[in-house]
Amino acid sequence: MEEKKKQIIIKEVISWGKTIAIAIVVVLVCRYFLMTPVSVQGESMFPTLEQNNKLVVTKITPLERFDLLVFDSPDHDDEQYIKRIIGLPGDTVEMRDDVLIVNDEVYNESYVNKEVDGETPEKITNDFTLEDLTERSVVPEGHYFVLGDNRMRSRDSRDFGFISEDLVIGEAKFRFYPFTHFGVVE
């Protein structure tokens, strides 16, 4: 009888061990290949995102213009940035009198922060063309042109150029903290 109890206990421990191992593998696969959590640091995406917002980043969705891109910093180790995709490979991008023009099409940027310290400056985003900033007339293949929503306080492609696909972590899709802003981010 004693031996039978030991065998039952051993079988139960093995069963639980297998279940735990499978759960760990599933979590690791999801985290590294499907989605991962990130925390917002800084104010470059205000008012869309704020300091310490917690987001879910998907790694498998195709990237489109105006998606929120999470990527490894091109100029600081161990930092990640969140910016809005403005230019896709092959696009021309320019800013003229606070108007975004991509491929000769004008876009309304309702998400851009238009206030600085309670004031509304005459100009939020300085005029530029891709050539002014990068010496290239179009976004190269395998790269993105990104800008922060808080243009007056954002380090983005105006400062460090195009973002290589190699640096991309994924698209910020869902905010799970703070709970008052729980839901899809746009």
N, C-alpha and C. Protein backbone atom coordinates (compact mmCIF):
# COMPACT_ATOMS: atom_id res chain seq x y z
N MET A 1 0.82 -1.19 0.00
CA MET A 1 0.00 0.00 0.00
C MET A 1 0.86 1.26 0.00
N GLU A 2 1.88 1.26 0.80
CA GLU A 2 2.81 2.39 0.90
C GLU A 2 3.48 2.67 -0.45
N GLU A 3 3.86 1.59 -1.13
CA GLU A 3 4.52 1.73 -2.44
C GLU A 3 3.56 2.32 -3.47
N LYS A 4 2.30 1.94 -3.39
CA LYS A 4 1.30 2.44 -4.32
C LYS A 4 1.07 3.94 -4.13
N LYS A 5 1.08 4.42 -2.89
CA LYS A 5 0.94 5.84 -2.60
C LYS A 5 2.10 6.62 -3.18
N LYS A 6 3.33 6.09 -3.04
CA LYS A 6 4.51 6.75 -3.59
C LYS A 6 4.40 6.87 -5.11
N GLN A 7 3.92 5.81 -5.78
CA GLN A 7 3.79 5.84 -7.23
C GLN A 7 2.74 6.87 -7.66
N ILE A 8 1.67 6.97 -6.91
CA ILE A 8 0.62 7.95 -7.22
C ILE A 8 1.18 9.36 -7.06
N ILE A 9 1.92 9.60 -5.99
CA ILE A 9 2.51 10.91 -5.74
C ILE A 9 3.51 11.25 -6.85
N ILE A 10 4.36 10.30 -7.23
CA ILE A 10 5.35 10.53 -8.28
C ILE A 10 4.64 10.86 -9.60
N LYS A 11 3.60 10.11 -9.93
CA LYS A 11 2.85 10.38 -11.16
C LYS A 11 2.23 11.78 -11.12
N GLU A 12 1.70 12.16 -9.97
CA GLU A 12 1.09 13.49 -9.82
C GLU A 12 2.13 14.60 -9.98
N VAL A 13 3.29 14.43 -9.36
CA VAL A 13 4.38 15.42 -9.48
C VAL A 13 4.84 15.53 -10.93
N ILE A 14 5.00 14.41 -11.60
CA ILE A 14 5.40 14.42 -13.02
C ILE A 14 4.35 15.12 -13.86
N SER A 15 3.08 14.84 -13.60
CA SER A 15 1.98 15.47 -14.33
C SER A 15 2.02 16.99 -14.16
N TRP A 16 2.17 17.45 -12.91
CA TRP A 16 2.25 18.87 -12.63
C TRP A 16 3.51 19.48 -13.27
N GLY A 17 4.60 18.77 -13.21
CA GLY A 17 5.84 19.25 -13.82
C GLY A 17 5.69 19.46 -15.32
N LYS A 18 5.06 18.50 -16.00
CA LYS A 18 4.81 18.63 -17.43
C LYS A 18 3.92 19.83 -17.72
N THR A 19 2.86 19.99 -16.94
CA THR A 19 1.94 21.11 -17.13
C THR A 19 2.65 22.45 -16.96
N ILE A 20 3.45 22.55 -15.92
CA ILE A 20 4.20 23.79 -15.67
C ILE A 20 5.20 24.05 -16.79
N ALA A 21 5.91 23.01 -17.23
CA ALA A 21 6.88 23.16 -18.31
C ALA A 21 6.20 23.62 -19.60
N ILE A 22 5.07 23.04 -19.93
CA ILE A 22 4.33 23.45 -21.13
C ILE A 22 3.87 24.90 -21.01
N ALA A 23 3.38 25.27 -19.84
CA ALA A 23 2.93 26.65 -19.62
C ALA A 23 4.09 27.64 -19.80
N ILE A 24 5.25 27.30 -19.28
CA ILE A 24 6.43 28.16 -19.42
C ILE A 24 6.82 28.30 -20.88
N VAL A 25 6.83 27.20 -21.61
CA VAL A 25 7.16 27.25 -23.04
C VAL A 25 6.16 28.13 -23.80
N VAL A 26 4.87 27.97 -23.52
CA VAL A 26 3.84 28.77 -24.19
C VAL A 26 4.05 30.25 -23.89
N VAL A 27 4.30 30.60 -22.65
CA VAL A 27 4.53 32.00 -22.27
C VAL A 27 5.77 32.55 -22.98
N LEU A 28 6.85 31.79 -23.00
CA LEU A 28 8.08 32.26 -23.67
C LEU A 28 7.87 32.44 -25.17
N VAL A 29 7.19 31.51 -25.80
CA VAL A 29 6.91 31.63 -27.23
C VAL A 29 6.07 32.88 -27.50
N CYS A 30 5.03 33.08 -26.71
CA CYS A 30 4.19 34.27 -26.88
C CYS A 30 5.00 35.55 -26.68
N ARG A 31 5.80 35.58 -25.63
CA ARG A 31 6.57 36.79 -25.31
C ARG A 31 7.60 37.12 -26.37
N TYR A 32 8.27 36.14 -26.90
CA TYR A 32 9.35 36.41 -27.84
C TYR A 32 8.91 36.43 -29.30
N PHE A 33 7.79 35.82 -29.63
CA PHE A 33 7.39 35.76 -31.03
C PHE A 33 6.06 36.41 -31.35
N LEU A 34 5.17 36.56 -30.37
CA LEU A 34 3.84 37.08 -30.66
C LEU A 34 3.58 38.46 -30.06
N MET A 35 3.83 38.61 -28.78
CA MET A 35 3.55 39.89 -28.11
C MET A 35 4.39 40.03 -26.86
N THR A 36 4.54 41.30 -26.43
CA THR A 36 5.33 41.57 -25.24
C THR A 36 4.81 42.85 -24.58
N PRO A 37 4.93 42.97 -23.27
CA PRO A 37 4.51 44.21 -22.61
C PRO A 37 5.64 45.25 -22.65
N VAL A 38 5.27 46.54 -22.71
CA VAL A 38 6.24 47.62 -22.60
C VAL A 38 5.65 48.72 -21.73
N SER A 39 6.53 49.54 -21.20
CA SER A 39 6.12 50.68 -20.38
C SER A 39 6.60 51.96 -21.05
N VAL A 40 5.72 52.95 -21.11
CA VAL A 40 6.06 54.22 -21.74
C VAL A 40 6.96 55.03 -20.82
N GLN A 41 8.05 55.53 -21.37
CA GLN A 41 8.96 56.40 -20.63
C GLN A 41 9.08 57.72 -21.39
N GLY A 42 8.83 58.81 -20.72
CA GLY A 42 8.96 60.12 -21.35
C GLY A 42 7.64 60.66 -21.86
N GLU A 43 7.73 61.85 -22.47
CA GLU A 43 6.53 62.56 -22.90
C GLU A 43 6.45 62.77 -24.41
N SER A 44 7.25 62.04 -25.17
CA SER A 44 7.30 62.28 -26.61
C SER A 44 6.04 61.87 -27.36
N MET A 45 5.18 61.06 -26.75
CA MET A 45 3.95 60.62 -27.42
C MET A 45 2.70 61.23 -26.79
N PHE A 46 2.87 62.21 -25.91
CA PHE A 46 1.73 62.90 -25.30
C PHE A 46 0.99 63.67 -26.40
N PRO A 47 -0.30 63.67 -26.45
CA PRO A 47 -1.29 63.20 -25.50
C PRO A 47 -1.75 61.76 -25.72
N THR A 48 -1.27 61.10 -26.77
CA THR A 48 -1.70 59.73 -27.05
C THR A 48 -1.31 58.78 -25.94
N LEU A 49 -0.05 58.87 -25.50
CA LEU A 49 0.47 58.02 -24.43
C LEU A 49 1.13 58.90 -23.38
N GLU A 50 1.11 58.43 -22.14
CA GLU A 50 1.71 59.19 -21.05
C GLU A 50 2.71 58.33 -20.29
N GLN A 51 3.55 58.99 -19.52
CA GLN A 51 4.56 58.33 -18.70
C GLN A 51 3.94 57.17 -17.92
N ASN A 52 4.60 56.02 -17.96
CA ASN A 52 4.22 54.81 -17.23
C ASN A 52 2.97 54.11 -17.73
N ASN A 53 2.41 54.51 -18.89
CA ASN A 53 1.36 53.69 -19.49
C ASN A 53 1.96 52.33 -19.78
N LYS A 54 1.17 51.29 -19.62
CA LYS A 54 1.60 49.92 -19.90
C LYS A 54 0.87 49.44 -21.16
N LEU A 55 1.63 48.92 -22.11
CA LEU A 55 1.08 48.56 -23.41
C LEU A 55 1.42 47.12 -23.77
N VAL A 56 0.61 46.55 -24.64
CA VAL A 56 0.92 45.26 -25.25
C VAL A 56 1.38 45.56 -26.67
N VAL A 57 2.53 45.00 -27.03
CA VAL A 57 3.10 45.17 -28.36
C VAL A 57 2.96 43.86 -29.11
N THR A 58 2.34 43.92 -30.29
CA THR A 58 2.23 42.73 -31.12
C THR A 58 3.42 42.68 -32.07
N LYS A 59 3.92 41.49 -32.28
CA LYS A 59 5.10 41.32 -33.12
C LYS A 59 4.76 40.71 -34.48
N ILE A 60 3.50 40.45 -34.74
CA ILE A 60 3.15 39.74 -35.97
C ILE A 60 2.23 40.53 -36.90
N THR A 61 1.74 41.69 -36.49
CA THR A 61 0.85 42.45 -37.37
C THR A 61 1.67 43.22 -38.40
N PRO A 62 1.17 43.34 -39.63
CA PRO A 62 1.88 44.14 -40.62
C PRO A 62 1.83 45.62 -40.23
N LEU A 63 2.92 46.33 -40.45
CA LEU A 63 3.00 47.73 -40.05
C LEU A 63 2.45 48.64 -41.14
N GLU A 64 1.69 49.64 -40.70
CA GLU A 64 1.08 50.59 -41.62
C GLU A 64 1.36 52.02 -41.15
N ARG A 65 1.14 52.97 -42.06
CA ARG A 65 1.33 54.38 -41.72
C ARG A 65 0.43 54.74 -40.53
N PHE A 66 0.98 55.48 -39.60
CA PHE A 66 0.35 55.99 -38.38
C PHE A 66 0.23 54.96 -37.27
N ASP A 67 0.72 53.73 -37.46
CA ASP A 67 0.81 52.77 -36.36
C ASP A 67 1.81 53.28 -35.34
N LEU A 68 1.64 52.85 -34.09
CA LEU A 68 2.58 53.20 -33.03
C LEU A 68 3.66 52.12 -32.99
N LEU A 69 4.86 52.51 -33.37
CA LEU A 69 5.98 51.58 -33.52
C LEU A 69 6.84 51.58 -32.27
N VAL A 70 7.14 50.39 -31.76
CA VAL A 70 8.06 50.23 -30.64
C VAL A 70 9.34 49.64 -31.23
N PHE A 71 10.47 50.29 -30.92
CA PHE A 71 11.75 49.85 -31.49
C PHE A 71 12.89 50.12 -30.53
N ASP A 72 13.97 49.36 -30.72
CA ASP A 72 15.18 49.61 -29.93
C ASP A 72 15.79 50.92 -30.39
N SER A 73 16.27 51.70 -29.44
CA SER A 73 16.86 52.99 -29.75
C SER A 73 18.05 52.81 -30.69
N PRO A 74 18.12 53.63 -31.74
CA PRO A 74 19.26 53.53 -32.65
C PRO A 74 20.53 54.14 -32.07
N ASP A 75 20.40 54.89 -30.97
CA ASP A 75 21.58 55.58 -30.43
C ASP A 75 21.81 55.43 -28.93
N HIS A 76 20.97 54.65 -28.25
CA HIS A 76 21.16 54.39 -26.81
C HIS A 76 20.93 52.91 -26.54
N ASP A 77 21.91 52.24 -25.97
CA ASP A 77 21.74 50.84 -25.62
C ASP A 77 20.68 50.68 -24.53
N ASP A 78 19.98 49.59 -24.55
CA ASP A 78 19.01 49.22 -23.52
C ASP A 78 17.84 50.20 -23.40
N GLU A 79 17.55 50.98 -24.45
CA GLU A 79 16.38 51.86 -24.44
C GLU A 79 15.47 51.47 -25.59
N GLN A 80 14.18 51.66 -25.37
CA GLN A 80 13.20 51.44 -26.42
C GLN A 80 12.41 52.73 -26.59
N TYR A 81 12.03 53.01 -27.82
CA TYR A 81 11.23 54.19 -28.14
C TYR A 81 9.88 53.76 -28.69
N ILE A 82 8.90 54.63 -28.52
CA ILE A 82 7.60 54.47 -29.15
C ILE A 82 7.36 55.74 -29.95
N LYS A 83 7.13 55.58 -31.24
CA LYS A 83 6.87 56.70 -32.12
C LYS A 83 5.82 56.29 -33.14
N ARG A 84 5.28 57.25 -33.85
CA ARG A 84 4.27 56.99 -34.87
C ARG A 84 4.94 56.85 -36.23
N ILE A 85 4.58 55.80 -36.97
CA ILE A 85 5.12 55.63 -38.32
C ILE A 85 4.48 56.69 -39.23
N ILE A 86 5.33 57.49 -39.83
CA ILE A 86 4.87 58.51 -40.77
C ILE A 86 5.20 58.08 -42.20
N GLY A 87 6.42 57.57 -42.39
CA GLY A 87 6.84 57.16 -43.72
C GLY A 87 7.18 55.69 -43.80
N LEU A 88 6.61 55.01 -44.80
CA LEU A 88 6.90 53.61 -45.09
C LEU A 88 7.93 53.54 -46.22
N PRO A 89 8.53 52.39 -46.45
CA PRO A 89 9.49 52.28 -47.55
C PRO A 89 8.90 52.77 -48.87
N GLY A 90 9.66 53.63 -49.56
CA GLY A 90 9.24 54.20 -50.84
C GLY A 90 8.48 55.51 -50.73
N ASP A 91 8.11 55.93 -49.52
CA ASP A 91 7.36 57.17 -49.33
C ASP A 91 8.24 58.41 -49.41
N THR A 92 7.64 59.51 -49.87
CA THR A 92 8.24 60.83 -49.69
C THR A 92 7.52 61.47 -48.51
N VAL A 93 8.23 62.24 -47.71
CA VAL A 93 7.64 62.87 -46.52
C VAL A 93 8.14 64.30 -46.44
N GLU A 94 7.21 65.22 -46.19
CA GLU A 94 7.63 66.59 -45.90
C GLU A 94 6.64 67.23 -44.95
N MET A 95 7.11 68.27 -44.28
CA MET A 95 6.29 69.04 -43.37
C MET A 95 6.39 70.49 -43.83
N ARG A 96 5.23 71.09 -44.12
CA ARG A 96 5.21 72.47 -44.58
C ARG A 96 4.12 73.22 -43.83
N ASP A 97 4.50 74.22 -43.07
CA ASP A 97 3.55 75.03 -42.29
C ASP A 97 2.66 74.16 -41.40
N ASP A 98 3.30 73.22 -40.69
CA ASP A 98 2.60 72.31 -39.78
C ASP A 98 1.61 71.39 -40.49
N VAL A 99 1.81 71.16 -41.77
CA VAL A 99 0.97 70.25 -42.53
C VAL A 99 1.85 69.09 -43.01
N LEU A 100 1.43 67.87 -42.68
CA LEU A 100 2.15 66.67 -43.09
C LEU A 100 1.75 66.30 -44.52
N ILE A 101 2.75 66.09 -45.36
CA ILE A 101 2.51 65.70 -46.74
C ILE A 101 3.31 64.42 -47.00
N VAL A 102 2.60 63.33 -47.31
CA VAL A 102 3.24 62.05 -47.62
C VAL A 102 2.80 61.66 -49.02
N ASN A 103 3.79 61.44 -49.89
CA ASN A 103 3.51 61.09 -51.28
C ASN A 103 2.55 62.09 -51.93
N ASP A 104 2.79 63.37 -51.66
CA ASP A 104 1.99 64.49 -52.20
C ASP A 104 0.55 64.51 -51.70
N GLU A 105 0.24 63.75 -50.66
CA GLU A 105 -1.09 63.76 -50.07
C GLU A 105 -1.02 64.41 -48.69
N VAL A 106 -1.94 65.33 -48.43
CA VAL A 106 -2.00 66.05 -47.17
C VAL A 106 -2.73 65.21 -46.13
N TYR A 107 -2.17 65.16 -44.91
CA TYR A 107 -2.79 64.39 -43.82
C TYR A 107 -3.06 65.31 -42.64
N ASN A 108 -4.23 65.14 -42.03
CA ASN A 108 -4.58 65.84 -40.79
C ASN A 108 -4.02 65.04 -39.63
N GLU A 109 -3.22 65.65 -38.80
CA GLU A 109 -2.62 64.96 -37.66
C GLU A 109 -3.33 65.37 -36.37
N SER A 110 -4.51 64.87 -36.15
CA SER A 110 -5.30 65.24 -34.97
C SER A 110 -4.65 64.77 -33.68
N TYR A 111 -3.75 63.82 -33.73
CA TYR A 111 -3.09 63.26 -32.56
C TYR A 111 -1.92 64.11 -32.06
N VAL A 112 -1.48 65.10 -32.80
CA VAL A 112 -0.30 65.89 -32.42
C VAL A 112 -0.66 66.84 -31.28
N ASN A 113 0.23 66.91 -30.28
CA ASN A 113 0.07 67.85 -29.18
C ASN A 113 0.34 69.26 -29.69
N LYS A 114 -0.62 70.14 -29.54
CA LYS A 114 -0.49 71.48 -30.08
C LYS A 114 -0.21 72.54 -29.01
N GLU A 115 0.01 72.10 -27.77
CA GLU A 115 0.29 73.04 -26.69
C GLU A 115 1.65 72.77 -26.07
N VAL A 116 2.32 73.83 -25.68
CA VAL A 116 3.59 73.73 -24.97
C VAL A 116 3.49 74.65 -23.76
N ASP A 117 3.54 74.03 -22.58
CA ASP A 117 3.43 74.78 -21.32
C ASP A 117 2.19 75.69 -21.31
N GLY A 118 1.06 75.15 -21.79
CA GLY A 118 -0.20 75.89 -21.78
C GLY A 118 -0.34 76.90 -22.90
N GLU A 119 0.67 77.07 -23.71
CA GLU A 119 0.64 78.02 -24.82
C GLU A 119 0.55 77.26 -26.13
N THR A 120 0.00 77.90 -27.14
CA THR A 120 -0.04 77.32 -28.48
C THR A 120 0.94 78.10 -29.36
N PRO A 121 2.11 77.52 -29.62
CA PRO A 121 3.09 78.24 -30.44
C PRO A 121 2.62 78.37 -31.89
N GLU A 122 3.22 79.32 -32.60
CA GLU A 122 2.87 79.52 -34.01
C GLU A 122 3.13 78.27 -34.82
N LYS A 123 4.24 77.60 -34.52
CA LYS A 123 4.62 76.43 -35.31
C LYS A 123 4.95 75.28 -34.35
N ILE A 124 4.34 74.12 -34.60
CA ILE A 124 4.57 72.94 -33.77
C ILE A 124 5.74 72.13 -34.32
N THR A 125 5.75 71.92 -35.64
CA THR A 125 6.78 71.11 -36.28
C THR A 125 7.49 71.95 -37.33
N ASN A 126 8.80 72.08 -37.21
CA ASN A 126 9.55 72.85 -38.21
C ASN A 126 9.41 72.21 -39.58
N ASP A 127 9.45 73.05 -40.62
CA ASP A 127 9.37 72.55 -41.99
C ASP A 127 10.57 71.67 -42.30
N PHE A 128 10.33 70.61 -43.08
CA PHE A 128 11.43 69.76 -43.53
C PHE A 128 10.98 68.92 -44.71
N THR A 129 11.95 68.39 -45.42
CA THR A 129 11.72 67.32 -46.38
C THR A 129 12.65 66.19 -45.96
N LEU A 130 12.41 65.00 -46.49
CA LEU A 130 13.32 63.89 -46.18
C LEU A 130 14.75 64.25 -46.58
N GLU A 131 14.91 64.90 -47.73
CA GLU A 131 16.26 65.25 -48.18
C GLU A 131 16.95 66.20 -47.22
N ASP A 132 16.19 67.15 -46.65
CA ASP A 132 16.77 68.07 -45.66
C ASP A 132 17.35 67.31 -44.49
N LEU A 133 16.65 66.27 -44.05
CA LEU A 133 17.04 65.55 -42.84
C LEU A 133 17.98 64.38 -43.08
N THR A 134 17.80 63.70 -44.21
CA THR A 134 18.50 62.42 -44.39
C THR A 134 19.33 62.33 -45.67
N GLU A 135 19.24 63.35 -46.52
CA GLU A 135 19.91 63.34 -47.82
C GLU A 135 19.35 62.26 -48.75
N ARG A 136 18.14 61.77 -48.46
CA ARG A 136 17.45 60.80 -49.33
C ARG A 136 16.07 61.37 -49.63
N SER A 137 15.58 61.12 -50.82
CA SER A 137 14.28 61.68 -51.20
C SER A 137 13.11 60.77 -50.83
N VAL A 138 13.38 59.47 -50.63
CA VAL A 138 12.33 58.54 -50.22
C VAL A 138 12.84 57.68 -49.07
N VAL A 139 11.88 57.13 -48.32
CA VAL A 139 12.23 56.20 -47.24
C VAL A 139 12.78 54.93 -47.89
N PRO A 140 14.00 54.49 -47.51
CA PRO A 140 14.58 53.31 -48.15
C PRO A 140 13.86 52.01 -47.75
N GLU A 141 14.02 51.00 -48.58
CA GLU A 141 13.46 49.68 -48.27
C GLU A 141 14.01 49.21 -46.91
N GLY A 142 13.15 48.56 -46.13
CA GLY A 142 13.58 48.02 -44.85
C GLY A 142 13.70 49.07 -43.76
N HIS A 143 13.13 50.26 -43.97
CA HIS A 143 13.24 51.35 -43.00
C HIS A 143 11.90 52.08 -42.85
N TYR A 144 11.79 52.84 -41.76
CA TYR A 144 10.61 53.65 -41.48
C TYR A 144 11.05 55.05 -41.06
N PHE A 145 10.19 56.03 -41.32
CA PHE A 145 10.39 57.39 -40.83
C PHE A 145 9.35 57.60 -39.75
N VAL A 146 9.78 57.96 -38.53
CA VAL A 146 8.87 58.04 -37.38
C VAL A 146 8.95 59.42 -36.72
N LEU A 147 7.83 59.84 -36.16
CA LEU A 147 7.76 61.09 -35.40
C LEU A 147 6.97 60.85 -34.12
N GLY A 148 7.31 61.61 -33.08
CA GLY A 148 6.53 61.58 -31.85
C GLY A 148 5.31 62.49 -31.98
N ASP A 149 4.28 62.22 -31.21
CA ASP A 149 3.08 63.05 -31.23
C ASP A 149 3.30 64.39 -30.52
N ASN A 150 4.24 64.44 -29.63
CA ASN A 150 4.59 65.67 -28.91
C ASN A 150 5.82 66.25 -29.60
N ARG A 151 5.62 66.84 -30.77
CA ARG A 151 6.71 67.22 -31.66
C ARG A 151 7.75 68.15 -31.03
N MET A 152 7.32 68.98 -30.11
CA MET A 152 8.25 69.93 -29.48
C MET A 152 9.16 69.23 -28.47
N ARG A 153 8.81 68.02 -28.06
CA ARG A 153 9.59 67.31 -27.04
C ARG A 153 9.86 65.85 -27.45
N SER A 154 10.15 65.64 -28.71
CA SER A 154 10.35 64.27 -29.18
C SER A 154 11.67 64.15 -29.92
N ARG A 155 12.44 63.12 -29.55
CA ARG A 155 13.59 62.71 -30.36
C ARG A 155 13.08 61.64 -31.30
N ASP A 156 13.19 61.87 -32.58
CA ASP A 156 12.63 60.95 -33.55
C ASP A 156 13.46 60.97 -34.82
N SER A 157 12.87 60.59 -35.94
CA SER A 157 13.64 60.50 -37.19
C SER A 157 14.21 61.83 -37.63
N ARG A 158 13.70 62.94 -37.12
CA ARG A 158 14.31 64.23 -37.41
C ARG A 158 15.70 64.32 -36.80
N ASP A 159 15.92 63.56 -35.72
CA ASP A 159 17.21 63.57 -35.02
C ASP A 159 18.11 62.41 -35.42
N PHE A 160 17.56 61.19 -35.48
CA PHE A 160 18.41 60.02 -35.71
C PHE A 160 18.15 59.31 -37.03
N GLY A 161 17.33 59.88 -37.90
CA GLY A 161 17.13 59.31 -39.23
C GLY A 161 16.14 58.16 -39.25
N PHE A 162 16.26 57.36 -40.29
CA PHE A 162 15.34 56.24 -40.50
C PHE A 162 15.54 55.14 -39.46
N ILE A 163 14.47 54.39 -39.20
CA ILE A 163 14.52 53.25 -38.29
C ILE A 163 14.58 51.98 -39.14
N SER A 164 15.59 51.19 -38.93
CA SER A 164 15.75 49.93 -39.65
C SER A 164 14.79 48.89 -39.11
N GLU A 165 14.30 48.02 -40.01
CA GLU A 165 13.44 46.91 -39.58
C GLU A 165 14.11 46.05 -38.51
N ASP A 166 15.44 46.00 -38.52
CA ASP A 166 16.18 45.21 -37.53
C ASP A 166 15.95 45.70 -36.10
N LEU A 167 15.60 46.99 -35.95
CA LEU A 167 15.39 47.56 -34.62
C LEU A 167 13.94 47.43 -34.13
N VAL A 168 13.04 47.06 -35.03
CA VAL A 168 11.60 47.03 -34.71
C VAL A 168 11.27 45.87 -33.77
N ILE A 169 10.54 46.21 -32.71
CA ILE A 169 10.02 45.21 -31.79
C ILE A 169 8.59 44.85 -32.19
N GLY A 170 7.78 45.85 -32.50
CA GLY A 170 6.42 45.59 -32.93
C GLY A 170 5.55 46.83 -32.85
N GLU A 171 4.25 46.59 -32.95
CA GLU A 171 3.27 47.68 -32.93
C GLU A 171 2.55 47.71 -31.57
N ALA A 172 2.52 48.90 -30.95
CA ALA A 172 1.77 49.07 -29.71
C ALA A 172 0.29 49.06 -30.06
N LYS A 173 -0.45 48.09 -29.53
CA LYS A 173 -1.85 47.91 -29.91
C LYS A 173 -2.84 48.15 -28.78
N PHE A 174 -2.42 47.86 -27.54
CA PHE A 174 -3.40 47.80 -26.46
C PHE A 174 -2.79 48.36 -25.18
N ARG A 175 -3.52 49.25 -24.52
CA ARG A 175 -3.08 49.80 -23.22
C ARG A 175 -3.83 49.07 -22.13
N PHE A 176 -3.07 48.49 -21.18
CA PHE A 176 -3.73 47.79 -20.07
C PHE A 176 -3.56 48.51 -18.74
N TYR A 177 -2.79 49.60 -18.73
CA TYR A 177 -2.66 50.43 -17.53
C TYR A 177 -2.33 51.84 -17.95
N PRO A 178 -2.94 52.84 -17.38
CA PRO A 178 -3.90 52.81 -16.28
C PRO A 178 -5.26 52.29 -16.75
N PHE A 179 -5.99 51.72 -15.82
CA PHE A 179 -7.26 51.10 -16.12
C PHE A 179 -8.27 52.10 -16.69
N THR A 180 -8.11 53.38 -16.35
CA THR A 180 -9.04 54.40 -16.87
C THR A 180 -8.87 54.61 -18.37
N HIS A 181 -7.74 54.18 -18.93
CA HIS A 181 -7.48 54.29 -20.37
C HIS A 181 -7.34 52.91 -21.02
N PHE A 182 -7.89 51.92 -20.38
CA PHE A 182 -7.82 50.53 -20.84
C PHE A 182 -8.41 50.41 -22.24
N GLY A 183 -7.68 49.81 -23.18
CA GLY A 183 -8.24 49.57 -24.50
C GLY A 183 -7.22 49.75 -25.61
N VAL A 184 -7.70 49.72 -26.84
CA VAL A 184 -6.87 49.84 -28.03
C VAL A 184 -6.31 51.27 -28.11
N VAL A 185 -5.03 51.38 -28.48
CA VAL A 185 -4.42 52.70 -28.66
C VAL A 185 -4.35 53.04 -30.13
N GLU A 186 -4.54 54.30 -30.43
CA GLU A 186 -4.53 54.74 -31.84
C GLU A 186 -3.67 55.95 -32.03
